[in-house]
PDB file of N, CA and C in Angstrom:
ATOM      1  N   MET A   1      12.709   2.948  38.231  1.00  0.00           N
ATOM      2  CA  MET A   1      12.828   1.559  37.842  1.00  0.00           C
ATOM      3  C   MET A   1      11.555   1.153  37.093  1.00  0.00           C
ATOM      4  N   SER A   2      11.703   0.354  36.050  1.00  0.00           N
ATOM      5  CA  SER A   2      10.575  -0.072  35.239  1.00  0.00           C
ATOM      6  C   SER A   2      10.070  -1.437  35.676  1.00  0.00           C
ATOM      7  N   ASP A   3       8.768  -1.613  35.592  1.00  0.00           N
ATOM      8  CA  ASP A   3       8.160  -2.906  35.887  1.00  0.00           C
ATOM      9  C   ASP A   3       7.971  -3.744  34.629  1.00  0.00           C
ATOM     10  N   LEU A   4       8.501  -3.279  33.519  1.00  0.00           N
ATOM     11  CA  LEU A   4       8.356  -3.986  32.252  1.00  0.00           C
ATOM     12  C   LEU A   4       9.089  -5.321  32.317  1.00  0.00           C
ATOM     13  N   ARG A   5       8.370  -6.397  32.092  1.00  0.00           N
ATOM     14  CA  ARG A   5       8.960  -7.739  32.138  1.00  0.00           C
ATOM     15  C   ARG A   5       9.145  -8.351  30.772  1.00  0.00           C
ATOM     16  N   SER A   6       8.272  -7.982  29.816  1.00  0.00           N
ATOM     17  CA  SER A   6       8.403  -8.533  28.470  1.00  0.00           C
ATOM     18  C   SER A   6       7.663  -7.669  27.465  1.00  0.00           C
ATOM     19  N   LEU A   7       8.103  -7.781  26.218  1.00  0.00           N
ATOM     20  CA  LEU A   7       7.385  -7.200  25.078  1.00  0.00           C
ATOM     21  C   LEU A   7       6.794  -8.363  24.307  1.00  0.00           C
ATOM     22  N   ARG A   8       5.558  -8.215  23.876  1.00  0.00           N
ATOM     23  CA  ARG A   8       4.899  -9.269  23.116  1.00  0.00           C
ATOM     24  C   ARG A   8       4.385  -8.697  21.808  1.00  0.00           C
ATOM     25  N   ILE A   9       4.618  -9.451  20.755  1.00  0.00           N
ATOM     26  CA  ILE A   9       4.195  -9.039  19.417  1.00  0.00           C
ATOM     27  C   ILE A   9       3.562 -10.229  18.709  1.00  0.00           C
ATOM     28  N   CYS A  10       2.878  -9.942  17.614  1.00  0.00           N
ATOM     29  CA  CYS A  10       2.320 -10.988  16.757  1.00  0.00           C
ATOM     30  C   CYS A  10       2.793 -10.722  15.338  1.00  0.00           C
ATOM     31  N   VAL A  11       3.030 -11.804  14.607  1.00  0.00           N
ATOM     32  CA  VAL A  11       3.470 -11.680  13.219  1.00  0.00           C
ATOM     33  C   VAL A  11       2.777 -12.759  12.385  1.00  0.00           C
ATOM     34  N   GLU A  12       2.404 -12.397  11.176  1.00  0.00           N
ATOM     35  CA  GLU A  12       1.771 -13.359  10.281  1.00  0.00           C
ATOM     36  C   GLU A  12       2.762 -14.490  10.005  1.00  0.00           C
ATOM     37  N   ALA A  13       2.308 -15.728  10.095  1.00  0.00           N
ATOM     38  CA  ALA A  13       3.189 -16.895  10.097  1.00  0.00           C
ATOM     39  C   ALA A  13       4.003 -17.061   8.811  1.00  0.00           C
ATOM     40  N   ASN A  14       3.557 -16.516   7.698  1.00  0.00           N
ATOM     41  CA  ASN A  14       4.305 -16.647   6.444  1.00  0.00           C
ATOM     42  C   ASN A  14       5.250 -15.485   6.187  1.00  0.00           C
ATOM     43  N   ASN A  15       5.346 -14.551   7.123  1.00  0.00           N
ATOM     44  CA  ASN A  15       6.210 -13.387   6.951  1.00  0.00           C
ATOM     45  C   ASN A  15       7.612 -13.713   7.481  1.00  0.00           C
ATOM     46  N   ARG A  16       8.339 -14.508   6.721  1.00  0.00           N
ATOM     47  CA  ARG A  16       9.647 -15.017   7.138  1.00  0.00           C
ATOM     48  C   ARG A  16      10.633 -13.891   7.425  1.00  0.00           C
ATOM     49  N   ALA A  17      10.632 -12.831   6.632  1.00  0.00           N
ATOM     50  CA  ALA A  17      11.572 -11.727   6.843  1.00  0.00           C
ATOM     51  C   ALA A  17      11.344 -11.084   8.208  1.00  0.00           C
ATOM     52  N   ALA A  18      10.091 -10.858   8.571  1.00  0.00           N
ATOM     53  CA  ALA A  18       9.786 -10.255   9.873  1.00  0.00           C
ATOM     54  C   ALA A  18      10.156 -11.191  11.017  1.00  0.00           C
ATOM     55  N   ILE A  19       9.845 -12.468  10.866  1.00  0.00           N
ATOM     56  CA  ILE A  19      10.179 -13.446  11.909  1.00  0.00           C
ATOM     57  C   ILE A  19      11.692 -13.483  12.124  1.00  0.00           C
ATOM     58  N   ASP A  20      12.452 -13.530  11.031  1.00  0.00           N
ATOM     59  CA  ASP A  20      13.923 -13.536  11.142  1.00  0.00           C
ATOM     60  C   ASP A  20      14.434 -12.282  11.840  1.00  0.00           C
ATOM     61  N   LEU A  21      13.856 -11.133  11.510  1.00  0.00           N
ATOM     62  CA  LEU A  21      14.260  -9.878  12.143  1.00  0.00           C
ATOM     63  C   LEU A  21      13.975  -9.919  13.641  1.00  0.00           C
ATOM     64  N   TYR A  22      12.762 -10.299  14.019  1.00  0.00           N
ATOM     65  CA  TYR A  22      12.403 -10.343  15.435  1.00  0.00           C
ATOM     66  C   TYR A  22      13.271 -11.332  16.209  1.00  0.00           C
ATOM     67  N   GLU A  23      13.562 -12.485  15.605  1.00  0.00           N
ATOM     68  CA  GLU A  23      14.440 -13.458  16.270  1.00  0.00           C
ATOM     69  C   GLU A  23      15.847 -12.891  16.432  1.00  0.00           C
ATOM     70  N   ALA A  24      16.331 -12.155  15.437  1.00  0.00           N
ATOM     71  CA  ALA A  24      17.656 -11.533  15.536  1.00  0.00           C
ATOM     72  C   ALA A  24      17.701 -10.505  16.661  1.00  0.00           C
ATOM     73  N   LEU A  25      16.547  -9.916  16.974  1.00  0.00           N
ATOM     74  CA  LEU A  25      16.462  -8.939  18.062  1.00  0.00           C
ATOM     75  C   LEU A  25      16.251  -9.603  19.422  1.00  0.00           C
ATOM     76  N   GLY A  26      16.104 -10.941  19.442  1.00  0.00           N
ATOM     77  CA  GLY A  26      15.973 -11.669  20.692  1.00  0.00           C
ATOM     78  C   GLY A  26      14.586 -12.185  21.011  1.00  0.00           C
ATOM     79  N   PHE A  27      13.604 -11.920  20.155  1.00  0.00           N
ATOM     80  CA  PHE A  27      12.253 -12.428  20.390  1.00  0.00           C
ATOM     81  C   PHE A  27      12.217 -13.937  20.153  1.00  0.00           C
ATOM     82  N   THR A  28      11.358 -14.627  20.899  1.00  0.00           N
ATOM     83  CA  THR A  28      11.148 -16.057  20.698  1.00  0.00           C
ATOM     84  C   THR A  28       9.657 -16.319  20.523  1.00  0.00           C
ATOM     85  N   ALA A  29       9.351 -17.308  19.712  1.00  0.00           N
ATOM     86  CA  ALA A  29       7.952 -17.691  19.498  1.00  0.00           C
ATOM     87  C   ALA A  29       7.466 -18.463  20.715  1.00  0.00           C
ATOM     88  N   TRP A  30       6.227 -18.185  21.137  1.00  0.00           N
ATOM     89  CA  TRP A  30       5.680 -18.906  22.285  1.00  0.00           C
ATOM     90  C   TRP A  30       4.302 -19.486  22.009  1.00  0.00           C
ATOM     91  N   ALA A  31       3.700 -19.131  20.883  1.00  0.00           N
ATOM     92  CA  ALA A  31       2.401 -19.711  20.530  1.00  0.00           C
ATOM     93  C   ALA A  31       2.096 -19.446  19.064  1.00  0.00           C
ATOM     94  N   VAL A  32       1.266 -20.309  18.490  1.00  0.00           N
ATOM     95  CA  VAL A  32       0.757 -20.106  17.142  1.00  0.00           C
ATOM     96  C   VAL A  32      -0.764 -20.108  17.232  1.00  0.00           C
ATOM     97  N   GLU A  33      -1.359 -19.063  16.701  1.00  0.00           N
ATOM     98  CA  GLU A  33      -2.809 -18.962  16.677  1.00  0.00           C
ATOM     99  C   GLU A  33      -3.279 -19.266  15.253  1.00  0.00           C
ATOM    100  N   LYS A  34      -3.873 -20.432  15.086  1.00  0.00           N
ATOM    101  CA  LYS A  34      -4.336 -20.860  13.768  1.00  0.00           C
ATOM    102  C   LYS A  34      -5.511 -20.002  13.315  1.00  0.00           C
ATOM    103  N   GLN A  35      -5.516 -19.659  12.052  1.00  0.00           N
ATOM    104  CA  GLN A  35      -6.593 -18.903  11.420  1.00  0.00           C
ATOM    105  C   GLN A  35      -6.964 -17.641  12.207  1.00  0.00           C
ATOM    106  N   ALA A  36      -5.953 -16.923  12.669  1.00  0.00           N
ATOM    107  CA  ALA A  36      -6.173 -15.730  13.487  1.00  0.00           C
ATOM    108  C   ALA A  36      -6.630 -14.525  12.669  1.00  0.00           C
ATOM    109  N   LEU A  37      -6.221 -14.490  11.416  1.00  0.00           N
ATOM    110  CA  LEU A  37      -6.526 -13.332  10.566  1.00  0.00           C
ATOM    111  C   LEU A  37      -7.310 -13.785   9.336  1.00  0.00           C
ATOM    112  N   LEU A  38      -8.317 -13.039   8.993  1.00  0.00           N
ATOM    113  CA  LEU A  38      -9.065 -13.292   7.769  1.00  0.00           C
ATOM    114  C   LEU A  38      -8.848 -12.105   6.837  1.00  0.00           C
ATOM    115  N   VAL A  39      -8.198 -12.375   5.712  1.00  0.00           N
ATOM    116  CA  VAL A  39      -7.934 -11.342   4.713  1.00  0.00           C
ATOM    117  C   VAL A  39      -8.653 -11.791   3.438  1.00  0.00           C
ATOM    118  N   GLY A  40      -9.651 -11.030   3.062  1.00  0.00           N
ATOM    119  CA  GLY A  40     -10.482 -11.463   1.935  1.00  0.00           C
ATOM    120  C   GLY A  40     -11.213 -12.735   2.324  1.00  0.00           C
ATOM    121  N   ASP A  41     -10.953 -13.797   1.584  1.00  0.00           N
ATOM    122  CA  ASP A  41     -11.567 -15.082   1.914  1.00  0.00           C
ATOM    123  C   ASP A  41     -10.522 -16.113   2.344  1.00  0.00           C
ATOM    124  N   HIS A  42      -9.344 -15.632   2.796  1.00  0.00           N
ATOM    125  CA  HIS A  42      -8.250 -16.536   3.165  1.00  0.00           C
ATOM    126  C   HIS A  42      -7.816 -16.287   4.610  1.00  0.00           C
ATOM    127  N   PHE A  43      -7.746 -17.363   5.381  1.00  0.00           N
ATOM    128  CA  PHE A  43      -7.273 -17.275   6.761  1.00  0.00           C
ATOM    129  C   PHE A  43      -5.754 -17.357   6.832  1.00  0.00           C
ATOM    130  N   HIS A  44      -5.176 -16.654   7.811  1.00  0.00           N
ATOM    131  CA  HIS A  44      -3.733 -16.660   8.035  1.00  0.00           C
ATOM    132  C   HIS A  44      -3.456 -16.996   9.494  1.00  0.00           C
ATOM    133  N   ASP A  45      -2.427 -17.801   9.722  1.00  0.00           N
ATOM    134  CA  ASP A  45      -1.985 -18.091  11.084  1.00  0.00           C
ATOM    135  C   ASP A  45      -1.131 -16.932  11.585  1.00  0.00           C
ATOM    136  N   GLU A  46      -1.097 -16.795  12.900  1.00  0.00           N
ATOM    137  CA  GLU A  46      -0.319 -15.725  13.520  1.00  0.00           C
ATOM    138  C   GLU A  46       0.604 -16.330  14.575  1.00  0.00           C
ATOM    139  N   ILE A  47       1.851 -15.893  14.600  1.00  0.00           N
ATOM    140  CA  ILE A  47       2.813 -16.342  15.596  1.00  0.00           C
ATOM    141  C   ILE A  47       2.929 -15.276  16.676  1.00  0.00           C
ATOM    142  N   HIS A  48       2.782 -15.686  17.927  1.00  0.00           N
ATOM    143  CA  HIS A  48       2.965 -14.789  19.066  1.00  0.00           C
ATOM    144  C   HIS A  48       4.419 -14.905  19.522  1.00  0.00           C
ATOM    145  N   MET A  49       5.068 -13.781  19.675  1.00  0.00           N
ATOM    146  CA  MET A  49       6.476 -13.762  20.063  1.00  0.00           C
ATOM    147  C   MET A  49       6.645 -12.872  21.281  1.00  0.00           C
ATOM    148  N   ARG A  50       7.716 -13.129  22.030  1.00  0.00           N
ATOM    149  CA  ARG A  50       7.978 -12.316  23.216  1.00  0.00           C
ATOM    150  C   ARG A  50       9.465 -12.099  23.398  1.00  0.00           C
ATOM    151  N   LEU A  51       9.776 -10.966  24.025  1.00  0.00           N
ATOM    152  CA  LEU A  51      11.142 -10.624  24.402  1.00  0.00           C
ATOM    153  C   LEU A  51      11.108 -10.370  25.897  1.00  0.00           C
ATOM    154  N   ASP A  52      11.737 -11.254  26.651  1.00  0.00           N
ATOM    155  CA  ASP A  52      11.739 -11.151  28.116  1.00  0.00           C
ATOM    156  C   ASP A  52      12.904 -10.331  28.610  1.00  0.00           C
ATOM    157  N   PHE A  53      12.671  -9.598  29.692  1.00  0.00           N
ATOM    158  CA  PHE A  53      13.693  -8.789  30.335  1.00  0.00           C
ATOM    159  C   PHE A  53      13.983  -9.360  31.712  1.00  0.00           C
ATOM    160  N   ALA A  54      15.204  -9.220  32.146  1.00  0.00           N
ATOM    161  CA  ALA A  54      15.589  -9.688  33.493  1.00  0.00           C
ATOM    162  C   ALA A  54      14.844  -8.856  34.536  1.00  0.00           C
ATOM    163  N   PRO A  55      14.397  -9.504  35.609  1.00  0.00           N
ATOM    164  CA  PRO A  55      13.682  -8.769  36.676  1.00  0.00           C
ATOM    165  C   PRO A  55      14.589  -7.817  37.425  1.00  0.00           C
TER     166      PRO A  55
END
């Protein structure tokens, strides 16, 4: 028996294709981390998502 309760991932907030894919797989957003990533001289927000499993 597995003790796995959830999978958690992060996705760049402007990556609509990835967000749509993860939502189609059952992931839900649970937090937004503002300015989480710095690429060059531009900050990007990150969405934290999770997929919960029944206990």
